[in-house]
């Protein structure tokens, strides 16, 4: 009737217990953790076991150590939380079509939020990304990293943490798909030119705080991405995974 309960390794219990205290606010960002010796005594475990639990927390971005100092609690950046979700999407063999359908909702929403909140310094950041992307395109270099940076910066400008966390794992899976598209056309400059035009229009809309235009151009940009993928014969329903993840 009942299945066996798998016992967690002791270091995992250390990690999960401290992480739970961080998530419920008992340990706030900036709070110092007890020393390894103190934690060892509190948990009744060997120091090397406690150290392994702390290592996992540190890798996850929940704690950090500055030179010569004790570990302290920090809030992980959304990019640090994304890899686990990206791996889950890969295991489910999520397709281009499924990711694109979600992105068609998320990316225009991000552009709308950015248009309502963008400051001159934000527009300057986007202009710099656009300039770097233009130079790379003219040199025949890959522009994928610049495109990813552009979309990520727009989401950051919007400031919606839920949206940031939702789109980051999808962005990581789209990276190899976009690289594949960039290498496919007989004239890759056509694809690059269309992307640069869409980015230009989005920046201009954000600079004018025109949320409707920003969302419209982002929608066109995303639809263009799918058309390009279909045009060059890539399957929309093939599970995506990637070397970039």
Protein backbone atom coordinates (compact mmCIF):
# COMPACT_ATOMS: atom_id res chain seq x y z
CA UNK A 1 0.00 0.00 0.00
CA UNK A 2 2.81 2.40 0.89
CA UNK A 3 6.04 2.97 -0.98
CA UNK A 4 9.38 3.20 0.72
CA UNK A 5 10.42 6.67 1.81
CA UNK A 6 13.76 7.65 0.37
CA UNK A 7 16.00 9.10 3.05
CA UNK A 8 17.67 12.34 2.03
CA UNK A 9 21.43 12.68 2.45
CA UNK A 10 22.32 14.71 5.54
CA UNK A 11 23.93 17.49 3.49
CA UNK A 12 20.69 17.85 1.51
CA UNK A 13 18.75 18.29 4.75
CA UNK A 14 21.19 21.04 5.77
CA UNK A 15 20.72 22.77 2.43
CA UNK A 16 16.91 22.43 2.40
CA UNK A 17 16.54 23.57 6.01
CA UNK A 18 18.57 26.74 5.51
CA UNK A 19 16.92 27.43 2.15
CA UNK A 20 13.48 27.16 3.80
CA UNK A 21 14.52 29.78 6.39
CA UNK A 22 15.63 32.06 3.57
CA UNK A 23 12.43 31.60 1.59
CA UNK A 24 10.13 32.28 4.55
CA UNK A 25 12.07 35.41 5.48
CA UNK A 26 13.53 34.14 8.76
CA UNK A 27 16.96 34.69 7.23
CA UNK A 28 16.77 37.99 5.35
CA UNK A 29 19.14 39.13 2.57
CA UNK A 30 22.37 40.35 4.13
CA UNK A 31 22.03 38.20 7.27
CA UNK A 32 25.20 36.35 8.26
CA UNK A 33 24.97 32.58 8.59
CA UNK A 34 26.46 30.86 11.64
CA UNK A 35 29.96 29.51 11.13
CA UNK A 36 30.47 25.94 9.91
CA UNK A 37 31.46 24.97 13.47
CA UNK A 38 28.28 26.49 14.89
CA UNK A 39 26.08 24.90 12.23
CA UNK A 40 27.77 21.57 12.78
CA UNK A 41 26.88 21.75 16.48
CA UNK A 42 23.32 22.90 15.81
CA UNK A 43 22.61 20.16 13.24
CA UNK A 44 24.61 17.51 15.09
CA UNK A 45 26.54 16.72 11.92
CA UNK A 46 30.15 16.64 10.83
CA UNK A 47 31.59 19.85 9.42
CA UNK A 48 32.26 18.34 6.00
CA UNK A 49 28.55 17.42 5.74
CA UNK A 50 27.51 20.97 6.64
CA UNK A 51 30.08 22.33 4.20
CA UNK A 52 28.56 20.33 1.33
CA UNK A 53 25.09 21.66 2.13
CA UNK A 54 26.43 25.21 2.14
CA UNK A 55 28.19 24.60 -1.16
CA UNK A 56 24.88 23.73 -2.83
CA UNK A 57 23.28 26.87 -1.41
CA UNK A 58 26.17 28.94 -2.69
CA UNK A 59 25.92 27.41 -6.17
CA UNK A 60 22.21 28.24 -6.18
CA UNK A 61 22.95 31.87 -5.39
CA UNK A 62 21.19 31.86 -2.02
CA UNK A 63 24.33 32.62 -0.03
CA UNK A 64 27.62 34.28 -0.87
CA UNK A 65 31.03 34.68 0.72
CA UNK A 66 33.24 37.69 0.25
CA UNK A 67 36.97 37.34 0.77
CA UNK A 68 37.77 36.54 4.39
CA UNK A 69 34.17 36.82 5.51
CA UNK A 70 31.40 34.49 6.59
CA UNK A 71 28.62 33.42 4.28
CA UNK A 72 25.68 35.78 4.11
CA UNK A 73 22.20 35.49 2.62
CA UNK A 74 21.54 37.06 -0.76
CA UNK A 75 18.69 37.20 -3.26
CA UNK A 76 19.60 35.14 -6.34
CA UNK A 77 19.46 36.90 -9.71
CA UNK A 78 16.73 35.53 -11.97
CA UNK A 79 19.41 34.23 -14.36
CA UNK A 80 20.85 32.07 -11.55
CA UNK A 81 17.47 30.44 -10.90
CA UNK A 82 16.75 29.70 -14.56
CA UNK A 83 19.01 26.67 -15.27
CA UNK A 84 16.95 24.29 -13.12
CA UNK A 85 13.74 25.28 -14.91
CA UNK A 86 15.46 25.10 -18.28
CA UNK A 87 16.59 21.54 -17.57
CA UNK A 88 13.02 20.65 -16.61
CA UNK A 89 11.77 22.01 -19.95
CA UNK A 90 14.41 19.99 -21.77
CA UNK A 91 13.43 16.81 -19.94
CA UNK A 92 9.83 17.38 -21.02
CA UNK A 93 11.04 17.77 -24.62
CA UNK A 94 9.25 21.09 -24.90
CA UNK A 95 8.94 22.10 -28.55
CA UNK A 96 9.70 25.33 -30.39
CA UNK A 97 5.96 25.80 -30.94
CA UNK A 98 5.21 25.55 -27.21
CA UNK A 99 7.99 27.96 -26.25
CA UNK A 100 7.03 30.37 -29.00
CA UNK A 101 3.36 30.42 -27.95
CA UNK A 102 4.36 31.38 -24.40
CA UNK A 103 6.89 33.93 -25.64
CA UNK A 104 4.24 35.51 -27.86
CA UNK A 105 2.46 36.45 -24.64
CA UNK A 106 5.49 37.23 -22.46
CA UNK A 107 7.63 39.35 -24.80
CA UNK A 108 4.95 41.93 -25.75
CA UNK A 109 4.00 42.11 -22.06
CA UNK A 110 7.64 42.82 -21.22
CA UNK A 111 7.77 45.53 -23.90
CA UNK A 112 4.60 47.12 -22.54
CA UNK A 113 6.02 47.22 -19.02
CA UNK A 114 9.30 48.64 -20.28
CA UNK A 115 7.51 51.41 -22.22
CA UNK A 116 5.74 52.48 -19.03
CA UNK A 117 8.89 52.52 -16.88
CA UNK A 118 11.91 53.16 -19.12
CA UNK A 119 14.31 55.91 -18.01
CA UNK A 120 16.83 57.67 -20.27
CA UNK A 121 19.60 55.44 -18.87
CA UNK A 122 17.59 52.37 -19.89
CA UNK A 123 17.17 53.67 -23.44
CA UNK A 124 20.92 54.28 -23.53
CA UNK A 125 21.56 50.66 -22.54
CA UNK A 126 19.31 49.42 -25.35
CA UNK A 127 20.98 51.76 -27.86
CA UNK A 128 24.38 50.33 -26.91
CA UNK A 129 23.13 46.77 -27.38
CA UNK A 130 21.61 47.73 -30.73
CA UNK A 131 24.85 49.35 -31.86
CA UNK A 132 26.89 46.29 -30.89
CA UNK A 133 24.38 44.07 -32.70
CA UNK A 134 24.58 46.26 -35.83
CA UNK A 135 28.39 46.09 -35.88
CA UNK A 136 28.35 42.32 -35.42
CA UNK A 137 25.81 41.93 -38.25
CA UNK A 138 27.90 44.09 -40.60
CA UNK A 139 30.95 41.95 -39.83
CA UNK A 140 29.04 38.75 -40.49
CA UNK A 141 29.39 37.69 -36.86
CA UNK A 142 26.74 35.96 -34.76
CA UNK A 143 24.18 38.34 -33.28
CA UNK A 144 22.35 35.85 -31.08
CA UNK A 145 23.93 36.97 -27.81
CA UNK A 146 23.04 40.59 -28.60
CA UNK A 147 19.43 39.64 -29.36
CA UNK A 148 19.15 37.72 -26.08
CA UNK A 149 20.68 40.66 -24.19
CA UNK A 150 18.21 43.05 -25.83
CA UNK A 151 15.16 41.04 -24.80
CA UNK A 152 16.51 40.42 -21.30
CA UNK A 153 17.19 44.13 -20.78
CA UNK A 154 13.65 45.02 -21.85
CA UNK A 155 12.25 42.55 -19.33
CA UNK A 156 14.49 44.01 -16.61
CA UNK A 157 13.34 47.54 -17.42
CA UNK A 158 9.72 46.44 -16.98
CA UNK A 159 10.60 45.33 -13.46
CA UNK A 160 8.06 42.49 -13.20
CA UNK A 161 9.91 39.81 -11.24
CA UNK A 162 7.37 37.09 -12.09
CA UNK A 163 7.78 37.82 -15.78
CA UNK A 164 11.57 37.82 -15.47
CA UNK A 165 11.56 34.42 -13.79
CA UNK A 166 9.08 33.01 -16.31
CA UNK A 167 10.92 34.10 -19.45
CA UNK A 168 14.54 33.37 -18.48
CA UNK A 169 14.39 29.54 -18.85
CA UNK A 170 12.62 29.94 -22.20
CA UNK A 171 15.24 32.40 -23.40
CA UNK A 172 17.98 29.89 -22.60
CA UNK A 173 16.30 27.23 -24.76
CA UNK A 174 15.63 29.66 -27.60
CA UNK A 175 19.33 30.58 -27.80
CA UNK A 176 20.41 27.48 -29.80
CA UNK A 177 17.23 27.72 -31.90
CA UNK A 178 18.09 31.29 -32.86
CA UNK A 179 21.69 30.33 -33.61
CA UNK A 180 20.37 27.59 -35.89
CA UNK A 181 18.20 30.12 -37.72
CA UNK A 182 21.08 32.57 -38.11
CA UNK A 183 23.16 29.92 -39.89
CA UNK A 184 20.36 28.73 -42.16
CA UNK A 185 19.46 31.48 -44.67
CA UNK A 186 21.25 31.73 -47.96
CA UNK A 187 21.42 35.47 -47.24
CA UNK A 188 21.65 35.80 -43.45
CA UNK A 189 21.81 39.60 -43.74
CA UNK A 190 18.10 39.62 -44.60
CA UNK A 191 17.21 37.94 -41.32
CA UNK A 192 19.59 40.17 -39.40
CA UNK A 193 18.27 43.32 -41.04
CA UNK A 194 14.68 42.45 -40.09
CA UNK A 195 15.72 41.81 -36.49
CA UNK A 196 17.61 45.09 -36.32
CA UNK A 197 14.64 46.99 -37.74
CA UNK A 198 12.30 45.47 -35.15
CA UNK A 199 14.71 46.33 -32.34
CA UNK A 200 15.01 49.90 -33.68
CA UNK A 201 11.23 50.35 -33.68
CA UNK A 202 10.92 48.91 -30.17
CA UNK A 203 13.59 51.25 -28.81
CA UNK A 204 11.89 54.24 -30.43
CA UNK A 205 8.55 53.21 -28.94
CA UNK A 206 10.08 52.85 -25.48
CA UNK A 207 11.76 56.25 -25.79
CA UNK A 208 8.33 57.79 -26.50
CA UNK A 209 6.61 55.74 -23.74
CA UNK A 210 4.34 54.30 -26.45
CA UNK A 211 3.30 50.99 -24.89
CA UNK A 212 0.97 50.05 -27.75
CA UNK A 213 3.67 50.50 -30.40
CA UNK A 214 6.23 48.65 -28.30
CA UNK A 215 3.89 45.67 -27.88
CA UNK A 216 2.93 45.74 -31.58
CA UNK A 217 6.53 45.67 -32.80
CA UNK A 218 7.49 43.02 -30.30
CA UNK A 219 4.59 40.88 -31.53
CA UNK A 220 5.71 41.38 -35.14
CA UNK A 221 9.26 40.52 -34.12
CA UNK A 222 8.18 37.25 -32.49
CA UNK A 223 5.96 36.29 -35.43
CA UNK A 224 8.87 36.96 -37.77
CA UNK A 225 11.01 34.60 -35.69
CA UNK A 226 8.52 31.79 -36.20
CA UNK A 227 8.12 32.50 -39.93
CA UNK A 228 11.87 32.31 -40.37
CA UNK A 229 12.01 29.01 -38.51
CA UNK A 230 9.27 27.55 -40.72
CA UNK A 231 10.70 29.02 -43.92
CA UNK A 232 13.96 27.15 -43.56
CA UNK A 233 12.30 23.83 -42.84
CA UNK A 234 12.84 23.45 -39.10
CA UNK A 235 10.20 21.47 -37.23
CA UNK A 236 8.06 23.49 -34.83
CA UNK A 237 7.24 20.35 -32.86
CA UNK A 238 10.71 18.95 -32.36
CA UNK A 239 11.84 18.98 -28.73
CA UNK A 240 14.36 21.73 -28.05
CA UNK A 241 17.54 21.28 -26.09
CA UNK A 242 20.75 23.12 -26.41
CA UNK A 243 24.42 23.35 -25.92
CA UNK A 244 23.91 26.84 -24.53
CA UNK A 245 22.02 25.51 -21.51
